[in-house]
Amino acid sequence: MSVRVRFAPSPTGQVHIGNIRAAIFNWLFARHHGGKFLLRIEDTDRERSTPEAVQGVLDAMAWLGLSTDEAPVYQSSMRAAHVAAAEDLVRRGAAYREDKGGTGKGEAILFRMPAEDVEFQDDVKGQLKKAAKDVKDFVIVRSDGSPVFHLGNVVDDIQMGVTHVIRGDDHVENTFRHVALYRALGATVPKFAHLPMIVNAQGKPYSKRDGAAYVGDFREKGFLPEALFNYLALLGWSPGDEREVLTVDEMVAAFTLERVHPSPAQVDQAKLMWMNGEHLRRRPLGERVAGCKADLQANGIWRDGMDEAYLARVVDAMAERVKLYTDMSVQAGFFFNDDFAYDPKLVEKRLRKPVDMEAGLGALHAAWAALPEFSEAALEESLKALAVARGANPAEFIHASRVAVSGMGVGPGLYVMLVVLGRERVLARLGRAKNLCARTDAAAPGSAGGNG
């Protein structure tokens, strides 16, 4: 059997990550089996399914690389087929007309549920069954003549030749009705797989209240499409081993419905941020340099005439710290601005509390000025030797020198950072920070300036 799956969004607003996760699972399943991935736009809500909303779906899919194998099907164009199917069901006694609600506005068409239990094998949740008494007859065409979701969904899947319906488990109850409809229409019932819901830390459906929830949100924040794709694929699925950072090809090779977990999948923004950093480091240095430069320019830190080669060294040094391009101006501004601000709490903790740090920074200045080679190994050896000579813990000098040259308490490896900054900048900054050690007021030179 040739696999044919579909993504069938109702474009009535922004694209939620839960919906696009379903698209990703369908796409991976199709690619793994060498099948077809189809798109059906369920645009029957004419007021909310605007051209802009439809384009939002297409843009989100294109950004994530979810290519389709056939032209999109628009459900609004299938209405005649839906009505014809309903009329056929009425003729065969599988459906009937009723003045629903006694409004006198017209006859609705209701599907007659068979007097037997309905069951199906779910490729994620296992065998599911519902007693006949628990599934009542339901409307398939409204009194105004418009087909409802249940009918349109089933008729469209039949006409599109869909073999596997992979969707969220909020559709499980619908599936019992749909299975009965397939059988009544004389069609082969596809295989079903209901995906676990995406939830917040409290186990409730993940929404905008919990943070970024739409594909556009993550794109605007600077997340990479391959990172979001990778992260969403792991919400409810695993490759069967310890791997987490995966290429698309690796996910395609490993994807099976047997590895989809039935329990809800909780969104972890911190893990997504980590994953974005991992994917960012996989991109070529030149591409990362361009992205970081754009952020520095947007924040007024990068100016024409600055050294591009120096920027590349900074980007390489910051590789472990930068998770988004927008981190660059926040975390690495001190590389490009000598008039950076010092964190007052760090000044107090690292430059004033240690005994005689003013003299210590002066000694460090002299030692590093005299180094024949301004290298990571030489800087480290010199700092440790100085700490031993002064009867201090080397950590005190490590922390103090970091604050002295960057104004910050975290960043890339200290010695890597010092080499990138270069001897001249480092010595000038040590001299500047040395003057802070004896100060007791809250203000500090450069405290009004930004460190990017």
Protein backbone atom coordinates (compact mmCIF):
# COMPACT_ATOMS: atom_id res chain seq x y z
CA MET A 1 0.00 0.00 0.00
CA SER A 2 1.35 3.40 -0.98
CA VAL A 3 1.19 5.77 1.98
CA ARG A 4 -0.83 8.97 1.55
CA VAL A 5 -1.21 11.30 4.53
CA ARG A 6 -2.51 14.82 4.83
CA PHE A 7 -2.30 17.94 6.96
CA ALA A 8 -5.75 19.53 7.19
CA PRO A 9 -5.61 22.87 9.04
CA SER A 10 -8.52 25.26 9.48
CA PRO A 11 -6.83 28.61 8.80
CA THR A 12 -8.70 30.88 11.17
CA GLY A 13 -5.72 32.62 12.77
CA GLN A 14 -2.08 32.06 13.55
CA VAL A 15 -0.58 28.58 13.24
CA HIS A 16 -0.32 26.93 16.67
CA ILE A 17 2.67 24.68 17.36
CA GLY A 18 0.28 21.84 18.13
CA ASN A 19 -1.14 22.01 14.62
CA ILE A 20 2.22 22.29 12.91
CA ARG A 21 3.52 19.39 15.05
CA ALA A 22 0.80 17.25 13.45
CA ALA A 23 2.02 18.39 10.04
CA ILE A 24 5.60 17.47 10.96
CA PHE A 25 4.59 13.96 12.08
CA ASN A 26 2.59 13.42 8.88
CA TRP A 27 5.47 14.71 6.74
CA LEU A 28 8.05 12.51 8.50
CA PHE A 29 5.78 9.46 8.19
CA ALA A 30 5.29 10.05 4.47
CA ARG A 31 8.98 10.61 3.82
CA HIS A 32 9.98 7.56 5.89
CA HIS A 33 7.68 5.33 3.83
CA GLY A 34 8.34 6.98 0.48
CA GLY A 35 4.71 8.11 0.35
CA LYS A 36 2.83 11.33 -0.35
CA PHE A 37 2.29 14.28 1.97
CA LEU A 38 -0.83 16.25 1.07
CA LEU A 39 -2.33 19.53 2.21
CA ARG A 40 -6.02 20.23 2.57
CA ILE A 41 -7.10 23.71 3.61
CA GLU A 42 -10.35 23.35 5.54
CA ASP A 43 -11.60 26.82 4.69
CA THR A 44 -15.35 26.39 5.07
CA ASP A 45 -15.52 29.09 7.76
CA ARG A 46 -15.68 31.88 5.21
CA GLU A 47 -15.59 34.67 7.78
CA ARG A 48 -12.44 33.52 9.58
CA SER A 49 -10.63 31.65 6.79
CA THR A 50 -9.23 34.79 5.25
CA PRO A 51 -6.58 34.85 2.49
CA GLU A 52 -4.16 36.15 5.12
CA ALA A 53 -4.86 33.19 7.41
CA VAL A 54 -4.40 30.73 4.54
CA GLN A 55 -1.13 32.41 3.57
CA GLY A 56 -0.01 32.14 7.19
CA VAL A 57 -0.35 28.36 7.00
CA LEU A 58 1.55 28.20 3.72
CA ASP A 59 4.31 30.47 5.03
CA ALA A 60 4.74 28.43 8.22
CA MET A 61 5.00 25.21 6.23
CA ALA A 62 7.47 26.70 3.77
CA TRP A 63 9.64 28.09 6.57
CA LEU A 64 9.83 24.66 8.22
CA GLY A 65 10.49 22.87 4.92
CA LEU A 66 7.19 20.94 4.89
CA SER A 67 6.96 20.45 1.15
CA THR A 68 3.80 18.89 -0.29
CA ASP A 69 3.61 16.35 -3.10
CA GLU A 70 0.41 17.51 -4.74
CA ALA A 71 -1.43 20.80 -5.15
CA PRO A 72 -3.37 21.89 -2.05
CA VAL A 73 -7.04 20.94 -1.86
CA TYR A 74 -9.43 23.64 -0.64
CA GLN A 75 -12.37 22.14 1.21
CA SER A 76 -14.69 24.95 0.15
CA SER A 77 -14.39 23.69 -3.44
CA MET A 78 -15.57 20.21 -2.39
CA ARG A 79 -19.04 21.20 -1.14
CA ALA A 80 -20.91 19.57 -4.03
CA ALA A 81 -19.20 16.25 -3.29
CA HIS A 82 -20.10 16.55 0.40
CA VAL A 83 -23.78 17.21 -0.32
CA ALA A 84 -23.91 14.41 -2.89
CA ALA A 85 -22.50 11.97 -0.34
CA ALA A 86 -25.12 13.05 2.21
CA GLU A 87 -27.94 12.60 -0.31
CA ASP A 88 -26.62 9.15 -1.15
CA LEU A 89 -26.64 8.22 2.53
CA VAL A 90 -30.26 9.40 2.79
CA ARG A 91 -31.29 7.30 -0.22
CA ARG A 92 -29.74 4.22 1.32
CA GLY A 93 -31.29 4.80 4.73
CA ALA A 94 -27.97 5.53 6.44
CA ALA A 95 -29.06 9.13 7.05
CA TYR A 96 -32.35 10.96 7.43
CA ARG A 97 -33.82 14.44 7.30
CA GLU A 98 -35.08 16.25 10.37
CA ASP A 99 -36.20 19.74 11.27
CA LYS A 100 -33.39 19.99 13.79
CA GLY A 101 -34.42 21.85 16.91
CA GLY A 102 -37.94 22.44 15.64
CA THR A 103 -36.97 25.81 14.24
CA GLY A 104 -38.83 25.42 10.99
CA LYS A 105 -35.81 26.84 9.18
CA GLY A 106 -35.26 23.78 7.06
CA GLU A 107 -34.32 20.14 7.22
CA ALA A 108 -30.95 19.06 8.49
CA ILE A 109 -29.47 15.69 7.51
CA LEU A 110 -28.44 13.42 10.33
CA PHE A 111 -26.26 10.34 10.06
CA ARG A 112 -27.84 7.22 11.52
CA MET A 113 -25.31 5.51 13.75
CA PRO A 114 -25.42 1.70 13.37
CA ALA A 115 -26.80 -0.24 16.32
CA GLU A 116 -23.43 -1.83 17.05
CA ASP A 117 -20.28 -0.98 18.94
CA VAL A 118 -17.65 1.01 17.06
CA GLU A 119 -13.99 0.14 17.40
CA PHE A 120 -10.74 0.75 15.61
CA GLN A 121 -7.04 0.11 16.04
CA ASP A 122 -5.13 3.27 16.86
CA ASP A 123 -1.45 3.08 15.91
CA VAL A 124 -0.53 5.13 18.99
CA LYS A 125 -3.21 4.43 21.59
CA GLY A 126 -4.02 0.81 20.74
CA GLN A 127 -7.47 -0.75 20.34
CA LEU A 128 -10.26 1.74 21.05
CA LYS A 129 -13.93 0.86 21.39
CA LYS A 130 -17.17 2.70 22.12
CA ALA A 131 -20.54 1.14 22.85
CA ALA A 132 -23.32 1.82 20.36
CA LYS A 133 -25.45 3.54 23.01
CA ASP A 134 -22.69 6.08 23.61
CA VAL A 135 -22.52 7.39 20.04
CA LYS A 136 -25.71 9.15 19.03
CA ASP A 137 -26.91 10.13 15.57
CA PHE A 138 -25.30 13.39 14.48
CA VAL A 139 -25.81 16.19 11.97
CA ILE A 140 -23.82 15.95 8.73
CA VAL A 141 -25.60 18.74 6.80
CA ARG A 142 -27.06 21.75 8.60
CA SER A 143 -30.53 23.11 7.98
CA ASP A 144 -28.98 25.86 5.82
CA GLY A 145 -27.54 23.21 3.51
CA SER A 146 -23.91 23.51 4.65
CA PRO A 147 -21.99 20.27 5.33
CA VAL A 148 -20.42 19.89 8.79
CA PHE A 149 -16.85 18.94 9.64
CA HIS A 150 -17.51 15.21 10.07
CA LEU A 151 -18.89 14.71 6.59
CA GLY A 152 -16.45 16.99 4.81
CA ASN A 153 -13.47 15.46 6.58
CA VAL A 154 -14.37 11.90 5.65
CA VAL A 155 -15.46 12.60 2.05
CA ASP A 156 -12.32 14.61 1.37
CA ASP A 157 -10.05 11.93 2.81
CA ILE A 158 -11.77 9.32 0.64
CA GLN A 159 -11.41 11.42 -2.51
CA MET A 160 -7.77 12.25 -1.72
CA GLY A 161 -6.96 8.57 -1.18
CA VAL A 162 -5.70 9.13 2.37
CA THR A 163 -4.40 5.89 3.87
CA HIS A 164 -3.37 7.11 7.34
CA VAL A 165 -5.03 9.84 9.40
CA ILE A 166 -2.48 11.20 11.86
CA ARG A 167 -3.92 13.94 14.07
CA GLY A 168 -4.24 15.15 17.66
CA ASP A 169 -5.97 12.99 20.22
CA ASP A 170 -8.63 15.65 20.70
CA HIS A 171 -10.13 13.99 17.61
CA VAL A 172 -10.52 10.51 19.15
CA GLU A 173 -14.22 11.01 19.83
CA ASN A 174 -14.72 12.25 16.26
CA THR A 175 -13.01 9.15 14.92
CA PHE A 176 -15.71 6.81 16.21
CA ARG A 177 -18.22 8.75 14.11
CA HIS A 178 -15.87 8.89 11.15
CA VAL A 179 -15.25 5.15 11.14
CA ALA A 180 -19.02 4.61 10.89
CA LEU A 181 -19.23 7.15 8.06
CA TYR A 182 -16.46 5.45 6.08
CA ARG A 183 -18.25 2.14 6.34
CA ALA A 184 -21.62 3.60 5.41
CA LEU A 185 -20.06 5.24 2.34
CA GLY A 186 -18.57 1.90 1.29
CA ALA A 187 -15.00 3.18 1.61
CA THR A 188 -11.91 1.56 3.06
CA VAL A 189 -11.34 2.83 6.59
CA PRO A 190 -7.86 4.38 6.84
CA LYS A 191 -5.49 3.66 9.68
CA PHE A 192 -5.65 6.14 12.52
CA ALA A 193 -3.00 7.51 14.85
CA HIS A 194 -3.86 10.08 17.48
CA LEU A 195 -0.97 12.18 18.71
CA PRO A 196 -0.50 13.19 22.36
CA MET A 197 -1.60 16.67 23.30
CA ILE A 198 0.98 19.39 23.88
CA VAL A 199 0.64 20.72 27.43
CA ASN A 200 2.13 23.27 29.81
CA ALA A 201 3.86 22.59 33.14
CA GLN A 202 0.46 22.17 34.81
CA GLY A 203 -0.62 19.53 32.29
CA LYS A 204 -3.15 21.83 30.61
CA PRO A 205 -3.30 22.48 26.85
CA TYR A 206 -0.40 24.70 25.88
CA SER A 207 -1.53 28.18 24.86
CA LYS A 208 -0.34 31.73 24.31
CA ARG A 209 -0.64 32.34 28.05
CA ASP A 210 2.27 29.92 28.56
CA GLY A 211 4.65 31.73 26.22
CA ALA A 212 5.28 31.68 22.49
CA ALA A 213 2.66 29.35 21.02
CA TYR A 214 2.51 30.14 17.32
CA VAL A 215 5.04 29.37 14.61
CA GLY A 216 5.25 33.08 13.81
CA ASP A 217 6.17 33.86 17.43
CA PHE A 218 9.22 31.62 17.30
CA ARG A 219 10.25 32.91 13.91
CA GLU A 220 10.07 36.53 15.10
CA LYS A 221 12.13 35.68 18.18
CA GLY A 222 14.91 34.39 15.92
CA PHE A 223 14.57 30.63 16.34
CA LEU A 224 15.93 28.57 13.47
CA PRO A 225 13.39 26.52 11.49
CA GLU A 226 15.47 23.35 11.80
CA ALA A 227 15.61 23.77 15.60
CA LEU A 228 11.86 24.28 15.97
CA PHE A 229 11.23 21.34 13.62
CA ASN A 230 13.59 19.13 15.64
CA TYR A 231 12.08 20.19 18.96
CA LEU A 232 8.46 19.71 17.89
CA ALA A 233 9.28 16.30 16.42
CA LEU A 234 10.48 15.22 19.86
CA LEU A 235 7.25 16.35 21.54
CA GLY A 236 5.68 12.93 21.73
CA TRP A 237 8.21 10.95 19.66
CA SER A 238 11.75 9.69 20.10
CA PRO A 239 14.23 8.13 17.67
CA GLY A 240 14.67 5.10 19.92
CA ASP A 241 18.06 6.10 21.31
CA GLU A 242 19.63 8.98 23.25
CA ARG A 243 19.91 11.38 20.32
CA GLU A 244 18.15 14.72 20.64
CA VAL A 245 19.77 17.04 18.11
CA LEU A 246 18.84 15.53 14.76
CA THR A 247 18.93 16.52 11.13
CA VAL A 248 15.79 16.18 9.04
CA ASP A 249 17.27 13.18 7.25
CA GLU A 250 18.01 11.50 10.57
CA MET A 251 14.44 12.07 11.73
CA VAL A 252 13.01 10.73 8.47
CA ALA A 253 15.13 7.57 8.77
CA ALA A 254 14.06 6.95 12.39
CA PHE A 255 10.40 7.99 12.33
CA THR A 256 7.79 5.35 13.07
CA LEU A 257 4.40 5.60 14.75
CA GLU A 258 5.47 2.83 17.13
CA ARG A 259 7.82 5.36 18.76
CA VAL A 260 5.09 7.95 19.34
CA HIS A 261 4.22 8.14 23.03
CA PRO A 262 0.53 8.28 23.99
CA SER A 263 1.05 10.46 27.08
CA PRO A 264 0.88 14.28 26.83
CA ALA A 265 4.06 16.09 25.78
CA GLN A 266 5.13 19.06 27.91
CA VAL A 267 6.68 22.14 26.32
CA ASP A 268 10.06 23.11 27.79
CA GLN A 269 11.13 26.52 26.50
CA ALA A 270 14.59 26.18 28.06
CA LYS A 271 15.22 22.96 26.15
CA LEU A 272 14.07 24.54 22.92
CA MET A 273 16.49 27.41 23.53
CA TRP A 274 19.30 24.93 24.14
CA MET A 275 18.40 23.03 20.98
CA ASN A 276 18.42 26.22 18.94
CA GLY A 277 21.94 26.92 20.14
CA GLU A 278 23.00 23.42 19.13
CA HIS A 279 21.61 23.87 15.64
CA LEU A 280 23.05 27.38 15.40
CA ARG A 281 26.55 26.02 16.01
CA ARG A 282 26.06 23.57 13.16
CA ARG A 283 25.64 26.41 10.70
CA PRO A 284 28.76 27.65 8.83
CA LEU A 285 30.77 30.30 10.65
CA GLY A 286 30.22 32.81 7.86
CA GLU A 287 26.46 32.45 8.19
CA ARG A 288 26.63 32.87 11.96
CA VAL A 289 28.81 35.93 11.57
CA ALA A 290 26.24 37.51 9.26
CA GLY A 291 23.41 36.79 11.69
CA CYS A 292 25.31 38.16 14.69
CA LYS A 293 26.39 41.22 12.74
CA ALA A 294 22.78 41.98 11.85
CA ASP A 295 21.84 41.89 15.53
CA LEU A 296 24.77 44.13 16.50
CA GLN A 297 23.79 46.57 13.76
CA ALA A 298 20.16 46.59 14.88
CA ASN A 299 21.29 47.54 18.39
CA GLY A 300 23.75 50.24 17.31
CA ILE A 301 26.83 48.30 18.40
CA TRP A 302 28.31 47.47 15.02
CA ARG A 303 29.57 50.44 13.05
CA ASP A 304 30.95 50.78 9.55
CA GLY A 305 34.67 50.20 9.40
CA MET A 306 34.83 47.68 12.21
CA ASP A 307 37.07 44.65 11.71
CA GLU A 308 35.11 41.76 10.13
CA ALA A 309 37.87 39.28 11.00
CA TYR A 310 37.67 40.35 14.66
CA LEU A 311 33.89 39.83 14.55
CA ALA A 312 34.42 36.28 13.27
CA ARG A 313 36.74 35.54 16.20
CA VAL A 314 34.17 36.93 18.64
CA VAL A 315 31.38 34.85 17.12
CA ASP A 316 33.52 31.72 17.33
CA ALA A 317 34.39 32.48 20.97
CA MET A 318 30.70 33.05 21.82
CA ALA A 319 29.50 29.85 20.12
CA GLU A 320 28.64 28.09 23.39
CA ARG A 321 26.83 31.14 24.78
CA VAL A 322 24.75 32.39 21.86
CA LYS A 323 21.49 30.45 21.53
CA LEU A 324 19.80 33.08 19.34
CA TYR A 325 21.37 35.72 17.16
CA THR A 326 19.66 38.26 19.41
CA ASP A 327 21.86 37.07 22.29
CA MET A 328 24.87 38.66 20.62
CA SER A 329 24.23 42.29 21.51
CA VAL A 330 23.19 41.33 25.05
CA GLN A 331 26.05 39.00 25.85
CA ALA A 332 28.91 40.18 23.66
CA GLY A 333 28.54 43.94 23.38
CA PHE A 334 31.64 44.46 25.55
CA PHE A 335 33.80 43.04 22.77
CA PHE A 336 32.99 46.11 20.66
CA ASN A 337 32.57 48.86 23.23
CA ASP A 338 35.29 49.85 25.72
CA ASP A 339 32.88 52.09 27.61
CA PHE A 340 30.73 49.21 28.82
CA ALA A 341 28.90 49.26 32.13
CA TYR A 342 29.90 47.17 35.12
CA ASP A 343 27.34 45.18 37.04
CA PRO A 344 27.42 46.96 40.47
CA LYS A 345 26.82 43.72 42.37
CA LEU A 346 29.72 42.06 40.60
CA VAL A 347 31.98 45.03 41.27
CA GLU A 348 31.21 44.71 44.96
CA LYS A 349 31.56 40.92 45.01
CA ARG A 350 34.55 40.41 42.73
CA LEU A 351 36.57 43.64 42.85
CA ARG A 352 36.00 45.05 46.34
CA LYS A 353 35.42 42.12 48.66
CA PRO A 354 38.61 40.19 47.83
CA VAL A 355 41.47 41.48 49.93
CA ASP A 356 43.72 43.94 48.07
CA MET A 357 42.26 43.25 44.60
CA GLU A 358 43.37 46.72 43.51
CA ALA A 359 46.99 45.65 43.95
CA GLY A 360 46.14 42.24 42.54
CA LEU A 361 44.81 43.67 39.27
CA GLY A 362 47.86 45.92 39.12
CA ALA A 363 50.13 42.89 39.44
CA LEU A 364 48.08 41.04 36.83
CA HIS A 365 48.42 44.03 34.49
CA ALA A 366 52.19 43.99 34.89
CA ALA A 367 52.45 40.22 34.43
CA TRP A 368 50.31 40.14 31.29
CA ALA A 369 52.05 43.17 29.83
CA ALA A 370 55.34 41.31 30.12
CA LEU A 371 54.20 38.05 28.52
CA PRO A 372 56.27 37.18 25.45
CA GLU A 373 53.16 35.58 23.95
CA PHE A 374 49.57 36.62 24.69
CA SER A 375 48.13 33.10 24.42
CA GLU A 376 45.54 31.14 26.39
CA ALA A 377 48.16 28.87 27.95
CA ALA A 378 50.47 31.75 28.88
CA LEU A 379 47.64 33.79 30.39
CA GLU A 380 46.41 30.90 32.48
CA GLU A 381 49.87 29.97 33.73
CA SER A 382 50.59 33.58 34.60
CA LEU A 383 47.33 34.10 36.50
CA LYS A 384 47.72 30.93 38.55
CA ALA A 385 51.35 31.72 39.39
CA LEU A 386 50.36 35.21 40.53
CA ALA A 387 47.56 33.85 42.72
CA VAL A 388 49.96 31.37 44.37
CA ALA A 389 52.54 34.11 44.94
CA ARG A 390 49.95 36.29 46.63
CA GLY A 391 48.48 33.42 48.69
CA ALA A 392 45.11 33.73 46.99
CA ASN A 393 42.72 31.30 45.37
CA PRO A 394 43.13 31.47 41.55
CA ALA A 395 39.32 31.63 41.28
CA GLU A 396 39.41 35.11 42.85
CA PHE A 397 41.63 36.37 40.04
CA ILE A 398 39.64 34.54 37.38
CA HIS A 399 36.38 36.16 38.50
CA ALA A 400 37.95 39.56 39.04
CA SER A 401 39.65 39.64 35.65
CA ARG A 402 36.42 38.59 33.90
CA VAL A 403 34.49 41.41 35.52
CA ALA A 404 37.36 43.79 34.83
CA VAL A 405 37.48 43.18 31.10
CA SER A 406 33.77 42.58 30.38
CA GLY A 407 31.71 44.00 33.24
CA MET A 408 29.91 40.67 33.39
CA GLY A 409 30.04 37.52 35.48
CA VAL A 410 29.47 35.03 32.68
CA GLY A 411 30.67 34.64 29.14
CA PRO A 412 32.98 32.54 27.03
CA GLY A 413 36.04 30.87 28.53
CA LEU A 414 38.13 33.56 30.25
CA TYR A 415 41.39 32.89 28.42
CA VAL A 416 39.66 32.56 25.06
CA MET A 417 37.95 35.89 25.72
CA LEU A 418 41.22 37.58 26.69
CA VAL A 419 43.01 36.42 23.53
CA VAL A 420 40.16 37.60 21.30
CA LEU A 421 40.09 40.99 23.00
CA GLY A 422 43.85 41.28 22.58
CA ARG A 423 46.58 42.51 24.89
CA GLU A 424 45.98 46.23 24.34
CA ARG A 425 42.27 46.13 25.18
CA VAL A 426 42.79 43.79 28.14
CA LEU A 427 45.48 45.93 29.73
CA ALA A 428 43.45 49.10 29.27
CA ARG A 429 40.43 47.49 30.88
CA LEU A 430 42.45 46.12 33.79
CA GLY A 431 43.67 49.64 34.41
CA ARG A 432 40.16 51.02 34.33
CA ALA A 433 38.82 48.32 36.65
CA LYS A 434 41.74 48.76 39.07
CA ASN A 435 40.34 52.18 39.89
CA LEU A 436 37.00 50.65 40.84
CA CYS A 437 38.41 48.44 43.56
CA ALA A 438 38.81 51.20 46.14
CA ARG A 439 35.53 52.99 45.36
CA THR A 440 32.74 52.73 47.89
CA ASP A 441 29.93 54.69 46.19
CA ALA A 442 27.36 52.91 44.05
CA ALA A 443 28.31 54.66 40.84
CA ALA A 444 31.05 53.35 38.62
CA PRO A 445 32.74 54.73 35.52
CA GLY A 446 30.70 53.83 32.50
CA SER A 447 27.69 52.78 34.56
CA ALA A 448 25.40 54.88 32.40
CA GLY A 449 26.66 53.25 29.22
CA GLY A 450 25.47 49.98 27.75
CA ASN A 451 27.47 46.82 27.43
CA GLY A 452 25.31 45.79 24.53
